[in-house]
């Protein structure tokens, strides 16, 4: 898949009223069989994918046909949060102000409800992101071990990634992978996602037996899934 370019495209949400500018990213794909569009919550734009032989006009026609839906979804995105001094980054569901203190050492750490980031200012985003990834793994590993012991299954390895489409996954070889962004969610939500993936070590499917294991490990499934549906996209707007 190749990126063509990005631009602001005027879209009219209805028959009346002036058009509104919408950020659009154009991509061309050899695998695509038809023109498609999706909202990228992380970048805050619309991605239009074109098959190799499709014209941009076909993409514009699709955008125009779904203009009201596209503009509504873009407006509904949570505000983006930069990894910068003064930002409020959630940790365990609670906002933590970020304080840059170049006079101290230790990389990044939590102190009295504040995330302290040391070193030069230009390294702050990377150090803060590294801290969040490390903190995610620090919290996920013991949760996974507890759930695995309850089910009598073995975990081969745990990976922490930055994914857009899935909060977690389980490979056939027993490797579990999780989005580091889950560290920003409430503890119960993180626990549910971990329990969900551990349950796949027993049942690599979504059969009734699988959901029975999930219910035994995480009885708060309904609340966690509701939170992920409503608040999860906001986690992709951080950084």
Protein backbone atom coordinates (compact mmCIF):
# COMPACT_ATOMS: atom_id res chain seq x y z
CA UNK A 1 0.00 0.00 0.00
CA UNK A 2 1.38 3.41 -0.95
CA UNK A 3 0.53 6.88 0.29
CA UNK A 4 -0.43 9.31 -2.46
CA UNK A 5 -0.92 12.53 -0.51
CA UNK A 6 -3.07 14.31 2.05
CA UNK A 7 -5.37 17.25 1.55
CA UNK A 8 -8.35 19.13 2.96
CA UNK A 9 -11.45 18.16 0.97
CA UNK A 10 -14.64 20.27 1.13
CA UNK A 11 -17.63 18.10 2.05
CA UNK A 12 -21.24 19.17 2.40
CA UNK A 13 -23.04 17.34 5.26
CA UNK A 14 -26.48 18.04 3.78
CA UNK A 15 -28.30 19.62 0.89
CA UNK A 16 -28.14 23.04 2.54
CA UNK A 17 -25.33 24.92 4.21
CA UNK A 18 -21.73 25.62 3.27
CA UNK A 19 -19.20 22.81 2.73
CA UNK A 20 -16.83 21.89 5.56
CA UNK A 21 -13.15 21.06 5.12
CA UNK A 22 -12.25 17.49 6.01
CA UNK A 23 -8.69 16.07 6.29
CA UNK A 24 -8.30 13.21 3.80
CA UNK A 25 -5.39 10.84 3.24
CA UNK A 26 -5.25 9.06 -0.10
CA UNK A 27 -3.74 5.58 -0.37
CA UNK A 28 -3.44 3.15 -3.27
CA UNK A 29 -3.41 -0.61 -2.67
CA UNK A 30 -2.75 -3.59 -4.90
CA UNK A 31 -4.92 -5.73 -2.63
CA UNK A 32 -7.97 -3.45 -2.69
CA UNK A 33 -10.83 -4.60 -4.90
CA UNK A 34 -13.03 -1.54 -4.36
CA UNK A 35 -12.78 2.01 -3.09
CA UNK A 36 -13.11 2.21 0.69
CA UNK A 37 -12.82 4.75 3.44
CA UNK A 38 -12.20 4.63 7.17
CA UNK A 39 -11.66 7.06 10.01
CA UNK A 40 -8.16 7.00 11.50
CA UNK A 41 -8.74 8.06 15.12
CA UNK A 42 -5.02 8.38 15.80
CA UNK A 43 -4.31 10.83 12.98
CA UNK A 44 -7.76 12.39 13.07
CA UNK A 45 -8.40 12.10 9.35
CA UNK A 46 -10.22 10.01 6.74
CA UNK A 47 -8.22 7.39 4.84
CA UNK A 48 -9.49 6.67 1.34
CA UNK A 49 -8.06 3.51 -0.22
CA UNK A 50 -8.08 3.18 -4.00
CA UNK A 51 -7.47 0.04 -6.06
CA UNK A 52 -4.60 0.39 -8.52
CA UNK A 53 -6.87 1.18 -11.47
CA UNK A 54 -9.38 3.35 -9.62
CA UNK A 55 -9.42 7.09 -10.12
CA UNK A 56 -9.43 9.68 -7.37
CA UNK A 57 -12.80 10.77 -8.70
CA UNK A 58 -14.24 7.45 -7.51
CA UNK A 59 -12.90 8.21 -4.04
CA UNK A 60 -14.42 11.68 -4.08
CA UNK A 61 -17.78 10.20 -5.07
CA UNK A 62 -17.64 7.82 -2.10
CA UNK A 63 -16.68 10.67 0.23
CA UNK A 64 -19.53 12.79 -1.07
CA UNK A 65 -22.05 9.98 -0.65
CA UNK A 66 -21.01 9.50 2.99
CA UNK A 67 -20.19 13.14 3.78
CA UNK A 68 -22.57 13.48 6.73
CA UNK A 69 -21.28 10.28 8.37
CA UNK A 70 -17.63 11.21 7.77
CA UNK A 71 -17.94 14.73 9.18
CA UNK A 72 -19.91 13.47 12.18
CA UNK A 73 -17.24 10.89 13.00
CA UNK A 74 -14.39 13.39 12.61
CA UNK A 75 -16.11 15.89 14.92
CA UNK A 76 -16.76 13.16 17.49
CA UNK A 77 -13.07 12.32 17.86
CA UNK A 78 -11.60 13.13 21.24
CA UNK A 79 -9.10 16.00 21.34
CA UNK A 80 -5.55 14.86 20.69
CA UNK A 81 -3.12 14.82 23.61
CA UNK A 82 0.52 15.54 22.86
CA UNK A 83 3.28 13.85 24.82
CA UNK A 84 4.56 17.16 26.12
CA UNK A 85 5.15 19.16 29.27
CA UNK A 86 1.85 20.26 30.76
CA UNK A 87 -0.24 17.57 29.10
CA UNK A 88 -2.58 15.39 31.15
CA UNK A 89 -1.89 11.78 30.21
CA UNK A 90 -4.22 9.13 31.67
CA UNK A 91 -2.70 6.28 33.64
CA UNK A 92 -5.01 3.60 34.99
CA UNK A 93 -7.95 5.75 33.93
CA UNK A 94 -6.82 8.79 35.89
CA UNK A 95 -5.24 11.90 34.32
CA UNK A 96 -1.62 12.47 35.31
CA UNK A 97 -0.03 15.84 34.54
CA UNK A 98 3.32 15.65 32.76
CA UNK A 99 6.13 17.67 34.30
CA UNK A 100 9.45 18.14 32.54
CA UNK A 101 12.25 18.49 35.10
CA UNK A 102 15.67 18.58 33.39
CA UNK A 103 17.42 18.95 36.74
CA UNK A 104 16.53 15.39 37.80
CA UNK A 105 17.57 11.95 36.58
CA UNK A 106 15.78 8.67 36.07
CA UNK A 107 14.08 8.97 32.70
CA UNK A 108 10.38 9.11 33.49
CA UNK A 109 8.50 8.06 36.61
CA UNK A 110 5.37 8.77 38.63
CA UNK A 111 5.62 10.91 41.73
CA UNK A 112 2.61 12.11 43.73
CA UNK A 113 0.24 11.62 40.81
CA UNK A 114 2.53 13.41 38.35
CA UNK A 115 4.60 11.90 35.56
CA UNK A 116 8.08 13.38 35.90
CA UNK A 117 10.20 13.33 32.75
CA UNK A 118 13.88 14.17 33.07
CA UNK A 119 16.59 15.01 30.54
CA UNK A 120 16.60 17.36 27.58
CA UNK A 121 13.26 18.69 26.31
CA UNK A 122 13.69 17.22 22.82
CA UNK A 123 13.77 13.71 24.31
CA UNK A 124 10.57 14.14 26.35
CA UNK A 125 8.09 12.55 23.88
CA UNK A 126 10.28 9.48 23.38
CA UNK A 127 11.02 9.08 27.08
CA UNK A 128 7.36 9.44 27.99
CA UNK A 129 6.30 6.94 25.34
CA UNK A 130 8.96 4.48 26.50
CA UNK A 131 7.76 4.92 30.07
CA UNK A 132 4.14 4.17 29.11
CA UNK A 133 5.16 1.05 27.17
CA UNK A 134 7.29 -0.18 30.06
CA UNK A 135 4.56 0.57 32.58
CA UNK A 136 2.03 -1.28 30.43
CA UNK A 137 4.18 -4.41 30.40
CA UNK A 138 4.88 -4.09 34.12
CA UNK A 139 1.14 -4.17 34.82
CA UNK A 140 0.17 -6.73 32.19
CA UNK A 141 2.69 -9.47 33.06
CA UNK A 142 1.44 -10.20 36.63
CA UNK A 143 -2.21 -10.05 35.52
CA UNK A 144 -1.53 -12.51 32.72
CA UNK A 145 0.32 -14.82 35.11
CA UNK A 146 -2.60 -14.84 37.56
CA UNK A 147 -5.16 -15.63 34.87
CA UNK A 148 -2.92 -18.25 33.24
CA UNK A 149 -2.49 -20.04 36.56
CA UNK A 150 -6.26 -20.12 37.07
CA UNK A 151 -6.78 -21.70 33.65
CA UNK A 152 -3.74 -23.96 33.84
CA UNK A 153 -2.22 -22.63 30.62
CA UNK A 154 1.28 -21.50 29.70
CA UNK A 155 2.24 -18.18 28.12
CA UNK A 156 5.15 -18.34 25.71
CA UNK A 157 5.84 -14.59 25.61
CA UNK A 158 4.16 -11.21 26.06
CA UNK A 159 4.64 -8.41 23.55
CA UNK A 160 3.61 -4.79 23.90
CA UNK A 161 2.86 -3.00 20.63
CA UNK A 162 1.17 0.12 19.27
CA UNK A 163 -1.81 -1.24 17.36
CA UNK A 164 -4.90 0.50 15.98
CA UNK A 165 -7.40 -2.26 15.33
CA UNK A 166 -7.02 -4.64 18.29
CA UNK A 167 -6.29 -4.13 21.96
CA UNK A 168 -4.83 -7.60 22.28
CA UNK A 169 -4.15 -10.81 20.39
CA UNK A 170 -3.13 -14.41 20.99
CA UNK A 171 -0.92 -16.30 18.54
CA UNK A 172 -1.20 -20.08 18.07
CA UNK A 173 2.25 -20.53 19.65
CA UNK A 174 1.06 -19.00 22.94
CA UNK A 175 2.46 -15.50 22.45
CA UNK A 176 0.21 -12.72 23.72
CA UNK A 177 0.36 -9.17 22.38
CA UNK A 178 -1.23 -6.05 23.83
CA UNK A 179 -1.49 -2.39 22.95
CA UNK A 180 0.60 -0.27 25.30
CA UNK A 181 -2.26 2.24 25.27
CA UNK A 182 -4.23 -0.04 27.57
CA UNK A 183 -2.09 1.26 30.45
CA UNK A 184 -4.10 4.47 30.15
CA UNK A 185 -7.43 2.65 30.61
CA UNK A 186 -9.01 1.88 34.01
CA UNK A 187 -7.51 -1.12 35.78
CA UNK A 188 -10.65 -3.22 35.29
CA UNK A 189 -10.53 -2.64 31.54
CA UNK A 190 -6.88 -3.66 31.33
CA UNK A 191 -7.62 -6.74 33.43
CA UNK A 192 -10.47 -7.75 31.12
CA UNK A 193 -8.39 -7.50 27.94
CA UNK A 194 -5.60 -9.55 29.54
CA UNK A 195 -8.10 -12.16 30.74
CA UNK A 196 -9.66 -12.29 27.27
CA UNK A 197 -6.35 -13.06 25.58
CA UNK A 198 -5.27 -15.56 28.24
CA UNK A 199 -8.58 -17.39 27.74
CA UNK A 200 -7.60 -17.82 24.08
CA UNK A 201 -4.73 -20.01 25.27
CA UNK A 202 -7.42 -22.49 26.28
CA UNK A 203 -9.83 -21.83 23.38
CA UNK A 204 -8.41 -20.12 20.28
CA UNK A 205 -11.91 -19.13 19.17
CA UNK A 206 -14.99 -17.31 20.46
CA UNK A 207 -17.05 -20.38 21.30
CA UNK A 208 -19.35 -20.64 24.34
CA UNK A 209 -16.54 -22.48 26.13
CA UNK A 210 -14.22 -19.52 25.50
CA UNK A 211 -16.70 -16.99 26.88
CA UNK A 212 -17.27 -19.21 29.92
CA UNK A 213 -13.54 -18.99 30.69
CA UNK A 214 -13.63 -15.22 30.22
CA UNK A 215 -16.62 -14.91 32.57
CA UNK A 216 -14.77 -16.90 35.22
CA UNK A 217 -11.66 -14.73 34.92
CA UNK A 218 -13.30 -11.34 34.37
CA UNK A 219 -16.91 -11.03 35.52
CA UNK A 220 -16.69 -7.31 34.70
CA UNK A 221 -16.63 -8.03 30.94
CA UNK A 222 -19.75 -6.02 30.06
CA UNK A 223 -18.53 -2.87 31.80
CA UNK A 224 -15.06 -3.18 30.29
CA UNK A 225 -16.34 -3.71 26.75
CA UNK A 226 -18.71 -0.76 27.11
CA UNK A 227 -15.80 1.43 28.22
CA UNK A 228 -13.66 0.33 25.29
CA UNK A 229 -16.46 1.10 22.84
CA UNK A 230 -17.12 4.56 24.25
CA UNK A 231 -13.72 5.69 25.53
CA UNK A 232 -11.23 3.41 23.80
CA UNK A 233 -10.85 5.53 20.65
CA UNK A 234 -9.65 8.44 22.81
CA UNK A 235 -6.60 6.39 23.79
CA UNK A 236 -5.52 6.41 20.15
CA UNK A 237 -5.46 10.21 20.27
CA UNK A 238 -2.61 10.28 22.79
CA UNK A 239 0.87 10.89 21.44
